[in-house]
C-alpha cells in the first residue's frame, strides 16, 4: 500500500489494481505497530482512524487500523481493490486472476507488477506481543504508547511473567521496533523502480 500511495504521488494518472487474497484489508490480524516518532508517512496516505489516530507523542499505532486507513485512502484516490482475489498466472504484460471481487475472474494488461506478499515464512525470530494498560506494562525496551492510552509490548523467548493483557499477538521477523518503517520504505523503493519501468515503456512506445 505504501508503494501504491507513492506511485500516485509520483503520477496521479496511473491506474492501479491491488489484488488482495483476504476478504478484508485491515481490522483483522495484528503485527508490530511500534514507531520511533509519528508521522511515519504523509497525512494523505491514511484516512481518519478516529481514536486510533496517532498523536505526536505516540510511539505505537494499532497496525490493523493503520492498514485499514491506508486502504480507505487508496480507494478514495481511485485505486481498484480486488478482495478475495488471487493472481493465478502472470507475464510481463498480463495478469490472470480469479476471485470474488467486482470483476470476479479474468485478466488485465499491465505495464508493471509489484509483488508484495506477506513474508511471514521468510524466517526470523518469533516474537510474542501484548497490549495492556500502562500500569501493567512489563519493563522492556520494545514497547510503545498507543493513542488510546494502551501500551504495545513485544518480547522474545520467555514470557515476561503473569500479566494482565487486553490482547496477545505473535509475529515473525527481525525486530518489531522497525518493522513498520522498513516495510514503508520498501514500498517506496518498489514504487520508484516501477515508475521508472513505466516511463521506459512509454518512451519505447513513443519511439
N, C-alpha and C. Protein backbone atom coordinates (compact mmCIF):
# COMPACT_ATOMS: atom_id res chain seq x y z
N UNK A 1 0.82 -1.21 0.00
CA UNK A 1 0.00 0.00 0.00
C UNK A 1 0.86 1.26 0.00
N UNK A 2 2.01 1.19 0.66
CA UNK A 2 2.91 2.35 0.59
C UNK A 2 3.43 2.53 -0.83
N UNK A 3 3.62 1.43 -1.54
CA UNK A 3 4.05 1.51 -2.94
C UNK A 3 2.96 2.17 -3.78
N UNK A 4 1.72 1.79 -3.56
CA UNK A 4 0.61 2.36 -4.34
C UNK A 4 0.47 3.86 -4.07
N UNK A 5 0.56 4.26 -2.81
CA UNK A 5 0.47 5.68 -2.48
C UNK A 5 1.63 6.45 -3.11
N UNK A 6 2.83 5.87 -3.07
CA UNK A 6 3.99 6.54 -3.65
C UNK A 6 3.82 6.71 -5.16
N UNK A 7 3.32 5.68 -5.83
CA UNK A 7 3.08 5.78 -7.27
C UNK A 7 2.14 6.93 -7.60
N UNK A 8 1.07 7.05 -6.83
CA UNK A 8 0.10 8.11 -7.08
C UNK A 8 0.68 9.48 -6.77
N UNK A 9 1.57 9.55 -5.80
CA UNK A 9 2.24 10.82 -5.51
C UNK A 9 3.15 11.22 -6.66
N UNK A 10 3.75 10.22 -7.32
CA UNK A 10 4.65 10.49 -8.44
C UNK A 10 3.89 10.80 -9.72
N UNK A 11 2.74 10.13 -9.90
CA UNK A 11 1.93 10.34 -11.11
C UNK A 11 0.49 9.95 -10.80
N UNK A 12 -0.35 10.93 -10.56
CA UNK A 12 -1.72 10.65 -10.13
C UNK A 12 -2.59 10.06 -11.24
N UNK A 13 -2.09 10.04 -12.48
CA UNK A 13 -2.87 9.48 -13.59
C UNK A 13 -2.71 7.97 -13.72
N UNK A 14 -1.79 7.37 -12.94
CA UNK A 14 -1.56 5.93 -13.03
C UNK A 14 -2.79 5.16 -12.56
N UNK A 15 -3.14 4.11 -13.30
CA UNK A 15 -4.24 3.22 -12.88
C UNK A 15 -3.64 2.04 -12.12
N UNK A 16 -4.11 1.85 -10.89
CA UNK A 16 -3.55 0.81 -10.02
C UNK A 16 -4.64 -0.18 -9.64
N UNK A 17 -4.30 -1.47 -9.74
CA UNK A 17 -5.17 -2.54 -9.28
C UNK A 17 -4.43 -3.28 -8.15
N UNK A 18 -5.07 -3.41 -7.03
CA UNK A 18 -4.49 -4.10 -5.88
C UNK A 18 -5.24 -5.41 -5.68
N UNK A 19 -4.54 -6.53 -5.84
CA UNK A 19 -5.14 -7.85 -5.66
C UNK A 19 -4.84 -8.34 -4.25
N UNK A 20 -5.90 -8.58 -3.48
CA UNK A 20 -5.76 -8.98 -2.08
C UNK A 20 -6.49 -10.31 -1.85
N UNK A 21 -5.76 -11.30 -1.34
CA UNK A 21 -6.35 -12.63 -1.19
C UNK A 21 -7.34 -12.73 -0.03
N UNK A 22 -7.19 -11.90 0.99
CA UNK A 22 -8.11 -11.97 2.13
C UNK A 22 -9.41 -11.24 1.80
N UNK A 23 -10.41 -11.44 2.66
CA UNK A 23 -11.73 -10.85 2.43
C UNK A 23 -11.81 -9.41 2.89
N UNK A 24 -10.81 -8.94 3.62
CA UNK A 24 -10.82 -7.58 4.13
C UNK A 24 -9.39 -7.11 4.33
N UNK A 25 -9.17 -5.82 4.16
CA UNK A 25 -7.86 -5.24 4.44
C UNK A 25 -7.94 -4.51 5.77
N UNK A 26 -7.11 -4.90 6.70
CA UNK A 26 -7.10 -4.24 7.99
C UNK A 26 -8.20 -4.74 8.91
N UNK A 27 -8.08 -4.37 10.18
CA UNK A 27 -9.02 -4.72 11.25
C UNK A 27 -9.03 -6.20 11.58
N UNK A 28 -8.24 -7.00 10.85
CA UNK A 28 -8.10 -8.41 11.18
C UNK A 28 -6.60 -8.72 11.24
N UNK A 29 -6.22 -9.52 12.21
CA UNK A 29 -4.81 -9.81 12.37
C UNK A 29 -4.08 -8.61 12.95
N UNK A 30 -2.92 -8.84 13.50
CA UNK A 30 -2.14 -7.76 14.07
C UNK A 30 -0.66 -7.99 13.82
N UNK A 31 0.10 -6.95 13.96
CA UNK A 31 1.54 -7.01 13.82
C UNK A 31 2.13 -5.83 14.55
N UNK A 32 3.44 -5.72 14.58
CA UNK A 32 4.07 -4.62 15.30
C UNK A 32 3.62 -3.25 14.81
N UNK A 33 3.33 -2.38 15.75
CA UNK A 33 2.94 -1.02 15.41
C UNK A 33 3.84 0.01 16.07
N UNK A 34 5.02 -0.42 16.49
CA UNK A 34 5.93 0.49 17.17
C UNK A 34 6.54 1.49 16.18
N UNK A 35 6.62 2.74 16.59
CA UNK A 35 7.21 3.79 15.77
C UNK A 35 8.17 4.61 16.63
N UNK A 36 9.23 5.09 15.98
CA UNK A 36 10.18 5.93 16.73
C UNK A 36 9.56 7.29 16.99
N UNK A 37 8.81 7.79 16.02
CA UNK A 37 8.07 9.04 16.16
C UNK A 37 7.01 9.09 15.07
N UNK A 38 5.99 9.86 15.29
CA UNK A 38 4.91 10.00 14.32
C UNK A 38 4.92 11.42 13.79
N UNK A 39 4.69 11.63 12.48
CA UNK A 39 4.22 10.67 11.46
C UNK A 39 5.36 9.89 10.81
N UNK A 40 5.01 8.73 10.26
CA UNK A 40 5.97 7.92 9.51
C UNK A 40 5.57 7.86 8.03
N UNK A 41 4.53 8.61 7.66
CA UNK A 41 4.04 8.66 6.28
C UNK A 41 3.31 9.98 6.09
N UNK A 42 3.12 10.41 4.85
CA UNK A 42 2.33 11.61 4.59
C UNK A 42 0.90 11.47 5.11
N UNK A 43 0.32 12.56 5.55
CA UNK A 43 -1.03 12.52 6.13
C UNK A 43 -2.06 11.94 5.18
N UNK A 44 -1.95 12.25 3.87
CA UNK A 44 -2.97 11.82 2.93
C UNK A 44 -2.89 10.33 2.60
N UNK A 45 -1.90 9.63 3.12
CA UNK A 45 -1.80 8.19 2.90
C UNK A 45 -2.78 7.41 3.78
N UNK A 46 -3.35 8.03 4.78
CA UNK A 46 -4.19 7.29 5.72
C UNK A 46 -5.46 8.07 6.02
N UNK A 47 -6.61 7.41 5.88
CA UNK A 47 -7.88 8.01 6.22
C UNK A 47 -8.00 8.16 7.74
N UNK A 48 -8.98 8.90 8.17
CA UNK A 48 -9.19 9.13 9.60
C UNK A 48 -9.53 7.82 10.31
N UNK A 49 -8.70 7.43 11.27
CA UNK A 49 -8.99 6.21 12.05
C UNK A 49 -9.42 6.57 13.48
N UNK A 50 -9.90 7.77 13.63
CA UNK A 50 -10.54 8.25 14.86
C UNK A 50 -9.68 8.04 16.11
N UNK A 51 -10.17 7.27 17.06
CA UNK A 51 -9.46 7.17 18.34
C UNK A 51 -8.08 6.55 18.22
N UNK A 52 -7.81 5.86 17.10
CA UNK A 52 -6.52 5.23 16.91
C UNK A 52 -5.54 6.11 16.13
N UNK A 53 -5.96 7.33 15.78
CA UNK A 53 -5.08 8.24 15.08
C UNK A 53 -3.94 8.66 16.00
N UNK A 54 -2.69 8.42 15.59
CA UNK A 54 -1.57 8.73 16.48
C UNK A 54 -1.43 10.22 16.78
N UNK A 55 -0.90 10.51 17.94
CA UNK A 55 -0.55 11.85 18.33
C UNK A 55 0.95 12.02 18.09
N UNK A 56 1.44 13.24 18.18
CA UNK A 56 2.88 13.44 18.02
C UNK A 56 3.66 12.73 19.12
N UNK A 57 3.00 12.53 20.26
CA UNK A 57 3.65 11.86 21.39
C UNK A 57 3.54 10.34 21.32
N UNK A 58 2.78 9.81 20.36
CA UNK A 58 2.56 8.37 20.26
C UNK A 58 3.84 7.66 19.81
N UNK A 59 4.08 6.50 20.38
CA UNK A 59 5.23 5.67 19.96
C UNK A 59 4.75 4.31 19.47
N UNK A 60 3.45 4.18 19.25
CA UNK A 60 2.88 2.96 18.68
C UNK A 60 1.52 3.29 18.07
N UNK A 61 1.15 2.51 17.06
CA UNK A 61 -0.15 2.64 16.42
C UNK A 61 -0.73 1.24 16.27
N UNK A 62 -2.05 1.13 16.37
CA UNK A 62 -2.69 -0.16 16.15
C UNK A 62 -2.58 -0.49 14.66
N UNK A 63 -1.74 -1.46 14.35
CA UNK A 63 -1.35 -1.70 12.96
C UNK A 63 -2.52 -2.07 12.07
N UNK A 64 -3.44 -2.88 12.55
CA UNK A 64 -4.56 -3.29 11.71
C UNK A 64 -5.43 -2.09 11.32
N UNK A 65 -5.57 -1.12 12.22
CA UNK A 65 -6.34 0.08 11.92
C UNK A 65 -5.58 0.96 10.93
N UNK A 66 -4.27 1.04 11.10
CA UNK A 66 -3.47 1.81 10.16
C UNK A 66 -3.60 1.23 8.75
N UNK A 67 -3.55 -0.11 8.66
CA UNK A 67 -3.69 -0.77 7.37
C UNK A 67 -5.04 -0.45 6.74
N UNK A 68 -6.09 -0.52 7.54
CA UNK A 68 -7.42 -0.19 7.03
C UNK A 68 -7.48 1.26 6.58
N UNK A 69 -6.90 2.16 7.36
CA UNK A 69 -6.90 3.57 6.99
C UNK A 69 -6.16 3.82 5.69
N UNK A 70 -5.05 3.11 5.47
CA UNK A 70 -4.30 3.26 4.22
C UNK A 70 -5.11 2.74 3.04
N UNK A 71 -5.83 1.63 3.24
CA UNK A 71 -6.64 1.07 2.16
C UNK A 71 -7.79 2.00 1.79
N UNK A 72 -8.44 2.59 2.80
CA UNK A 72 -9.53 3.53 2.52
C UNK A 72 -9.02 4.72 1.73
N UNK A 73 -7.85 5.23 2.13
CA UNK A 73 -7.26 6.36 1.42
C UNK A 73 -6.93 6.00 -0.03
N UNK A 74 -6.47 4.77 -0.26
CA UNK A 74 -6.19 4.33 -1.63
C UNK A 74 -7.47 4.27 -2.46
N UNK A 75 -8.52 3.74 -1.85
CA UNK A 75 -9.80 3.67 -2.57
C UNK A 75 -10.29 5.08 -2.92
N UNK A 76 -10.12 6.01 -1.99
CA UNK A 76 -10.54 7.39 -2.24
C UNK A 76 -9.71 8.04 -3.34
N UNK A 77 -8.48 7.53 -3.54
CA UNK A 77 -7.61 8.07 -4.59
C UNK A 77 -7.81 7.36 -5.92
N UNK A 78 -8.78 6.44 -5.97
CA UNK A 78 -9.13 5.80 -7.23
C UNK A 78 -8.50 4.45 -7.48
N UNK A 79 -7.83 3.87 -6.49
CA UNK A 79 -7.22 2.55 -6.67
C UNK A 79 -8.31 1.48 -6.70
N UNK A 80 -8.17 0.53 -7.62
CA UNK A 80 -9.11 -0.59 -7.73
C UNK A 80 -8.64 -1.71 -6.82
N UNK A 81 -9.40 -2.00 -5.76
CA UNK A 81 -9.02 -3.03 -4.80
C UNK A 81 -9.88 -4.27 -5.03
N UNK A 82 -9.24 -5.41 -5.34
CA UNK A 82 -9.94 -6.66 -5.61
C UNK A 82 -9.73 -7.57 -4.39
N UNK A 83 -10.76 -7.70 -3.55
CA UNK A 83 -10.67 -8.55 -2.38
C UNK A 83 -10.95 -10.01 -2.74
N UNK A 84 -10.43 -10.92 -1.92
CA UNK A 84 -10.59 -12.36 -2.13
C UNK A 84 -10.20 -12.72 -3.56
N UNK A 85 -9.10 -12.18 -4.03
CA UNK A 85 -8.67 -12.37 -5.41
C UNK A 85 -7.21 -12.80 -5.44
N UNK A 86 -6.93 -13.81 -6.24
CA UNK A 86 -5.58 -14.35 -6.36
C UNK A 86 -5.11 -14.26 -7.81
N UNK A 87 -3.85 -13.86 -7.98
CA UNK A 87 -3.25 -13.87 -9.32
C UNK A 87 -2.86 -15.31 -9.63
N UNK A 88 -3.52 -15.91 -10.62
CA UNK A 88 -3.27 -17.32 -10.94
C UNK A 88 -2.10 -17.49 -11.91
N UNK A 89 -1.85 -16.50 -12.73
CA UNK A 89 -0.69 -16.55 -13.63
C UNK A 89 -0.35 -15.13 -14.04
N UNK A 90 0.88 -14.96 -14.53
CA UNK A 90 1.31 -13.63 -14.91
C UNK A 90 2.43 -13.71 -15.94
N UNK A 91 2.47 -12.70 -16.76
CA UNK A 91 3.60 -12.48 -17.65
C UNK A 91 4.04 -11.03 -17.42
N UNK A 92 4.97 -10.57 -18.22
CA UNK A 92 5.40 -9.18 -18.07
C UNK A 92 4.32 -8.19 -18.49
N UNK A 93 3.34 -8.67 -19.26
CA UNK A 93 2.33 -7.76 -19.80
C UNK A 93 0.90 -8.06 -19.36
N UNK A 94 0.69 -9.20 -18.68
CA UNK A 94 -0.69 -9.58 -18.36
C UNK A 94 -0.75 -10.37 -17.05
N UNK A 95 -1.83 -10.12 -16.32
CA UNK A 95 -2.10 -10.86 -15.09
C UNK A 95 -3.46 -11.53 -15.23
N UNK A 96 -3.49 -12.84 -14.99
CA UNK A 96 -4.76 -13.57 -14.95
C UNK A 96 -5.11 -13.79 -13.49
N UNK A 97 -6.35 -13.52 -13.12
CA UNK A 97 -6.74 -13.59 -11.71
C UNK A 97 -8.08 -14.28 -11.55
N UNK A 98 -8.32 -14.78 -10.35
CA UNK A 98 -9.60 -15.40 -10.02
C UNK A 98 -9.98 -14.97 -8.61
N UNK A 99 -11.26 -14.73 -8.41
CA UNK A 99 -11.69 -14.29 -7.09
C UNK A 99 -13.15 -13.93 -7.04
N UNK A 100 -13.51 -13.22 -5.97
CA UNK A 100 -14.90 -12.88 -5.73
C UNK A 100 -15.14 -11.39 -5.78
N UNK A 101 -14.18 -10.64 -6.32
CA UNK A 101 -14.32 -9.20 -6.38
C UNK A 101 -15.36 -8.78 -7.41
N UNK A 102 -15.44 -7.46 -7.61
CA UNK A 102 -16.48 -6.96 -8.52
C UNK A 102 -16.22 -7.37 -9.96
N UNK A 103 -15.00 -7.74 -10.31
CA UNK A 103 -14.71 -8.24 -11.65
C UNK A 103 -14.69 -9.76 -11.70
N UNK A 104 -14.74 -10.42 -10.53
CA UNK A 104 -14.67 -11.87 -10.49
C UNK A 104 -13.34 -12.35 -11.03
N UNK A 105 -13.40 -13.17 -12.07
CA UNK A 105 -12.18 -13.70 -12.68
C UNK A 105 -11.96 -13.09 -14.05
N UNK A 106 -10.70 -13.07 -14.46
CA UNK A 106 -10.41 -12.51 -15.77
C UNK A 106 -8.93 -12.24 -15.90
N UNK A 107 -8.58 -11.34 -16.79
CA UNK A 107 -7.19 -10.96 -17.00
C UNK A 107 -7.13 -9.49 -17.33
N UNK A 108 -5.96 -8.90 -17.12
CA UNK A 108 -5.78 -7.50 -17.44
C UNK A 108 -4.36 -7.26 -17.94
N UNK A 109 -4.25 -6.35 -18.89
CA UNK A 109 -2.94 -5.95 -19.37
C UNK A 109 -2.34 -4.95 -18.39
N UNK A 110 -1.04 -5.06 -18.17
CA UNK A 110 -0.37 -4.19 -17.20
C UNK A 110 0.95 -3.67 -17.76
N UNK A 111 1.39 -2.56 -17.23
CA UNK A 111 2.72 -2.04 -17.57
C UNK A 111 3.78 -2.56 -16.62
N UNK A 112 3.38 -2.85 -15.38
CA UNK A 112 4.34 -3.35 -14.40
C UNK A 112 3.59 -4.04 -13.27
N UNK A 113 4.28 -4.95 -12.59
CA UNK A 113 3.72 -5.69 -11.47
C UNK A 113 4.62 -5.49 -10.26
N UNK A 114 4.01 -5.14 -9.14
CA UNK A 114 4.74 -5.05 -7.88
C UNK A 114 4.29 -6.20 -7.00
N UNK A 115 5.20 -7.08 -6.67
CA UNK A 115 4.90 -8.24 -5.83
C UNK A 115 5.12 -7.85 -4.38
N UNK A 116 4.08 -7.96 -3.57
CA UNK A 116 4.19 -7.51 -2.17
C UNK A 116 3.43 -8.44 -1.24
N UNK A 117 3.73 -9.71 -1.33
CA UNK A 117 3.07 -10.68 -0.46
C UNK A 117 3.64 -10.64 0.94
N UNK A 118 2.87 -11.16 1.90
CA UNK A 118 3.37 -11.29 3.27
C UNK A 118 4.58 -12.20 3.26
N UNK A 119 5.53 -11.91 4.14
CA UNK A 119 6.76 -12.70 4.18
C UNK A 119 6.91 -13.39 5.53
N UNK A 120 5.80 -13.82 6.13
CA UNK A 120 5.85 -14.43 7.45
C UNK A 120 6.66 -15.73 7.47
N UNK A 121 6.84 -16.34 6.29
CA UNK A 121 7.55 -17.62 6.26
C UNK A 121 8.99 -17.45 5.81
N UNK A 122 9.49 -16.22 5.84
CA UNK A 122 10.84 -15.96 5.37
C UNK A 122 11.90 -16.10 6.46
N UNK A 123 11.51 -16.62 7.59
CA UNK A 123 12.48 -16.78 8.68
C UNK A 123 12.43 -15.61 9.63
N UNK A 124 13.37 -15.60 10.56
CA UNK A 124 13.38 -14.56 11.56
C UNK A 124 12.98 -15.11 12.91
N UNK A 125 12.98 -14.25 13.88
CA UNK A 125 12.66 -14.63 15.25
C UNK A 125 11.15 -14.60 15.46
N UNK A 126 10.65 -15.54 16.25
CA UNK A 126 9.24 -15.49 16.61
C UNK A 126 9.10 -14.62 17.86
N UNK A 127 8.35 -13.56 17.71
CA UNK A 127 8.14 -12.62 18.80
C UNK A 127 6.74 -12.79 19.38
N UNK A 128 6.64 -12.58 20.68
CA UNK A 128 5.37 -12.56 21.37
C UNK A 128 5.03 -11.10 21.67
N UNK A 129 3.76 -10.76 21.51
CA UNK A 129 3.35 -9.39 21.76
C UNK A 129 2.11 -9.32 22.62
N UNK A 130 1.89 -8.18 23.19
CA UNK A 130 0.70 -7.99 24.01
C UNK A 130 0.35 -6.52 24.13
N UNK A 131 -0.92 -6.27 24.43
CA UNK A 131 -1.41 -4.91 24.67
C UNK A 131 -1.97 -4.88 26.09
N UNK A 132 -1.58 -3.86 26.83
CA UNK A 132 -2.03 -3.77 28.23
C UNK A 132 -2.15 -2.31 28.63
N UNK A 133 -2.64 -2.09 29.83
CA UNK A 133 -2.67 -0.75 30.40
C UNK A 133 -1.27 -0.36 30.87
N UNK A 134 -0.95 0.92 30.92
CA UNK A 134 0.39 1.34 31.33
C UNK A 134 0.85 0.76 32.66
N UNK A 135 -0.07 0.65 33.62
CA UNK A 135 0.32 0.15 34.94
C UNK A 135 0.63 -1.34 34.94
N UNK A 136 0.26 -2.04 33.87
CA UNK A 136 0.53 -3.47 33.78
C UNK A 136 1.68 -3.80 32.83
N UNK A 137 2.29 -2.76 32.23
CA UNK A 137 3.33 -2.99 31.23
C UNK A 137 4.62 -3.49 31.86
N UNK A 138 5.19 -4.56 31.34
CA UNK A 138 6.48 -5.05 31.86
C UNK A 138 7.62 -4.13 31.46
N UNK A 139 8.74 -4.29 32.07
CA UNK A 139 9.91 -3.49 31.77
C UNK A 139 10.63 -4.11 30.58
N UNK A 140 10.56 -3.48 29.44
CA UNK A 140 11.21 -3.94 28.22
C UNK A 140 11.43 -2.76 27.30
N UNK A 141 12.46 -2.82 26.46
CA UNK A 141 12.75 -1.72 25.56
C UNK A 141 11.88 -1.74 24.32
N UNK A 142 11.20 -2.85 24.06
CA UNK A 142 10.38 -2.96 22.85
C UNK A 142 8.91 -2.74 23.21
N UNK A 143 8.55 -1.51 23.44
CA UNK A 143 7.16 -1.18 23.75
C UNK A 143 6.88 0.25 23.32
N UNK A 144 5.61 0.55 23.15
CA UNK A 144 5.23 1.90 22.72
C UNK A 144 3.84 2.24 23.21
N UNK A 145 3.58 3.52 23.36
CA UNK A 145 2.29 4.00 23.84
C UNK A 145 1.38 4.32 22.66
N UNK A 146 0.21 3.68 22.63
CA UNK A 146 -0.77 3.94 21.60
C UNK A 146 -1.60 5.17 21.96
N UNK A 147 -2.24 5.79 20.95
CA UNK A 147 -3.03 7.00 21.23
C UNK A 147 -4.25 6.76 22.12
N UNK A 148 -4.70 5.50 22.22
CA UNK A 148 -5.86 5.23 23.07
C UNK A 148 -5.46 5.00 24.53
N UNK A 149 -4.17 5.18 24.85
CA UNK A 149 -3.72 5.06 26.23
C UNK A 149 -3.22 3.68 26.61
N UNK A 150 -3.28 2.71 25.69
CA UNK A 150 -2.76 1.38 25.98
C UNK A 150 -1.29 1.29 25.55
N UNK A 151 -0.62 0.25 26.00
CA UNK A 151 0.79 0.05 25.69
C UNK A 151 0.94 -1.23 24.88
N UNK A 152 1.70 -1.14 23.78
CA UNK A 152 2.01 -2.31 22.96
C UNK A 152 3.40 -2.80 23.36
N UNK A 153 3.50 -4.10 23.68
CA UNK A 153 4.75 -4.67 24.19
C UNK A 153 5.14 -5.88 23.35
N UNK A 154 6.45 -6.01 23.06
CA UNK A 154 6.96 -7.17 22.34
C UNK A 154 8.15 -7.75 23.08
N UNK A 155 8.25 -9.09 23.09
CA UNK A 155 9.38 -9.73 23.74
C UNK A 155 9.73 -11.02 22.99
N UNK A 156 10.93 -11.47 23.24
CA UNK A 156 11.47 -12.65 22.58
C UNK A 156 11.64 -13.75 23.62
N UNK A 157 11.33 -14.99 23.23
CA UNK A 157 11.53 -16.16 24.07
C UNK A 157 10.62 -16.14 25.30
N UNK A 158 11.19 -16.02 26.48
CA UNK A 158 10.42 -16.22 27.71
C UNK A 158 9.33 -15.16 27.89
N UNK A 159 8.18 -15.62 28.38
CA UNK A 159 7.08 -14.73 28.70
C UNK A 159 7.50 -13.79 29.84
N UNK A 160 7.12 -12.51 29.78
CA UNK A 160 7.55 -11.56 30.82
C UNK A 160 6.87 -11.76 32.17
N UNK A 161 6.20 -12.86 32.32
CA UNK A 161 5.57 -13.13 33.61
C UNK A 161 4.06 -13.04 33.54
N UNK A 162 3.44 -13.23 34.68
CA UNK A 162 1.98 -13.19 34.76
C UNK A 162 1.51 -11.74 34.66
N UNK A 163 0.92 -11.41 33.50
CA UNK A 163 0.50 -10.03 33.25
C UNK A 163 -1.00 -10.01 32.95
N UNK A 164 -1.57 -8.83 32.99
CA UNK A 164 -2.97 -8.65 32.64
C UNK A 164 -3.00 -8.06 31.23
N UNK A 165 -3.34 -8.91 30.25
CA UNK A 165 -3.30 -8.49 28.86
C UNK A 165 -4.70 -8.18 28.32
N UNK A 166 -4.78 -7.17 27.49
CA UNK A 166 -6.01 -6.87 26.76
C UNK A 166 -6.06 -7.70 25.48
N UNK A 167 -4.87 -7.90 24.92
CA UNK A 167 -4.77 -8.61 23.63
C UNK A 167 -3.39 -9.22 23.53
N UNK A 168 -3.30 -10.41 22.93
CA UNK A 168 -2.00 -11.06 22.72
C UNK A 168 -1.76 -11.24 21.22
N UNK A 169 -0.47 -11.22 20.82
CA UNK A 169 -0.12 -11.29 19.41
C UNK A 169 1.13 -12.14 19.22
N UNK A 170 1.36 -12.58 17.99
CA UNK A 170 2.60 -13.24 17.59
C UNK A 170 3.05 -12.62 16.28
N UNK A 171 4.38 -12.59 16.08
CA UNK A 171 4.91 -12.02 14.84
C UNK A 171 6.27 -12.65 14.57
N UNK A 172 6.56 -12.89 13.29
CA UNK A 172 7.82 -13.48 12.88
C UNK A 172 8.61 -12.45 12.10
N UNK A 173 9.79 -12.10 12.57
CA UNK A 173 10.61 -11.10 11.89
C UNK A 173 11.88 -10.80 12.66
N UNK A 174 12.57 -9.78 12.24
CA UNK A 174 13.87 -9.45 12.85
C UNK A 174 13.72 -8.63 14.12
N UNK A 175 13.00 -7.52 14.05
CA UNK A 175 12.86 -6.64 15.21
C UNK A 175 11.57 -5.85 15.08
N UNK A 176 10.63 -6.01 16.01
CA UNK A 176 9.35 -5.30 15.90
C UNK A 176 9.46 -3.79 15.98
N UNK A 177 10.59 -3.28 16.45
CA UNK A 177 10.74 -1.83 16.59
C UNK A 177 10.83 -1.12 15.25
N UNK A 178 11.35 -1.79 14.23
CA UNK A 178 11.49 -1.12 12.93
C UNK A 178 10.72 -1.79 11.81
N UNK A 179 9.80 -2.69 12.16
CA UNK A 179 9.02 -3.40 11.16
C UNK A 179 8.24 -2.46 10.25
N UNK A 180 7.52 -1.52 10.84
CA UNK A 180 6.69 -0.61 10.05
C UNK A 180 7.53 0.28 9.14
N UNK A 181 8.54 0.89 9.70
CA UNK A 181 9.35 1.83 8.91
C UNK A 181 10.04 1.12 7.74
N UNK A 182 10.53 -0.10 7.97
CA UNK A 182 11.20 -0.84 6.91
C UNK A 182 10.23 -1.18 5.79
N UNK A 183 9.02 -1.64 6.13
CA UNK A 183 8.06 -2.03 5.10
C UNK A 183 7.59 -0.83 4.28
N UNK A 184 7.41 0.31 4.95
CA UNK A 184 7.00 1.51 4.23
C UNK A 184 8.11 1.95 3.28
N UNK A 185 9.35 1.92 3.74
CA UNK A 185 10.48 2.30 2.90
C UNK A 185 10.64 1.34 1.73
N UNK A 186 10.40 0.04 1.96
CA UNK A 186 10.48 -0.93 0.87
C UNK A 186 9.42 -0.65 -0.19
N UNK A 187 8.22 -0.29 0.25
CA UNK A 187 7.16 0.05 -0.69
C UNK A 187 7.51 1.26 -1.53
N UNK A 188 8.09 2.26 -0.89
CA UNK A 188 8.50 3.46 -1.62
C UNK A 188 9.57 3.13 -2.66
N UNK A 189 10.50 2.26 -2.28
CA UNK A 189 11.56 1.85 -3.21
C UNK A 189 11.00 1.08 -4.39
N UNK A 190 10.06 0.16 -4.12
CA UNK A 190 9.42 -0.61 -5.19
C UNK A 190 8.68 0.31 -6.15
N UNK A 191 8.01 1.33 -5.61
CA UNK A 191 7.26 2.25 -6.44
C UNK A 191 8.19 3.07 -7.33
N UNK A 192 9.30 3.51 -6.79
CA UNK A 192 10.26 4.30 -7.57
C UNK A 192 10.80 3.48 -8.74
N UNK A 193 11.13 2.20 -8.47
CA UNK A 193 11.60 1.32 -9.53
C UNK A 193 10.51 1.10 -10.58
N UNK A 194 9.27 0.93 -10.11
CA UNK A 194 8.16 0.68 -11.02
C UNK A 194 7.89 1.88 -11.93
N UNK A 195 7.94 3.07 -11.37
CA UNK A 195 7.63 4.25 -12.19
C UNK A 195 8.69 4.44 -13.27
N UNK A 196 9.93 4.07 -12.98
CA UNK A 196 10.97 4.15 -14.00
C UNK A 196 10.71 3.13 -15.11
N UNK A 197 10.21 1.95 -14.72
CA UNK A 197 9.86 0.93 -15.72
C UNK A 197 8.74 1.43 -16.62
N UNK A 198 7.72 2.03 -16.01
CA UNK A 198 6.58 2.53 -16.79
C UNK A 198 7.01 3.66 -17.72
N UNK A 199 7.86 4.54 -17.25
CA UNK A 199 8.35 5.64 -18.08
C UNK A 199 9.14 5.11 -19.28
N UNK A 200 9.92 4.05 -19.04
CA UNK A 200 10.70 3.47 -20.13
C UNK A 200 9.79 2.82 -21.15
N UNK A 201 8.70 2.18 -20.69
CA UNK A 201 7.74 1.57 -21.61
C UNK A 201 7.09 2.65 -22.48
N UNK A 202 6.69 3.77 -21.83
CA UNK A 202 6.07 4.86 -22.57
C UNK A 202 7.06 5.44 -23.60
N UNK A 203 8.31 5.56 -23.21
CA UNK A 203 9.32 6.10 -24.11
C UNK A 203 9.51 5.19 -25.31
N UNK A 204 9.57 3.86 -25.05
CA UNK A 204 9.74 2.89 -26.14
C UNK A 204 8.57 2.92 -27.10
N UNK A 205 7.34 3.10 -26.54
CA UNK A 205 6.16 3.13 -27.38
C UNK A 205 6.15 4.37 -28.26
N UNK A 206 6.63 5.49 -27.72
CA UNK A 206 6.69 6.73 -28.48
C UNK A 206 7.69 6.60 -29.64
N UNK A 207 8.80 5.90 -29.36
CA UNK A 207 9.82 5.73 -30.39
C UNK A 207 9.35 4.77 -31.48
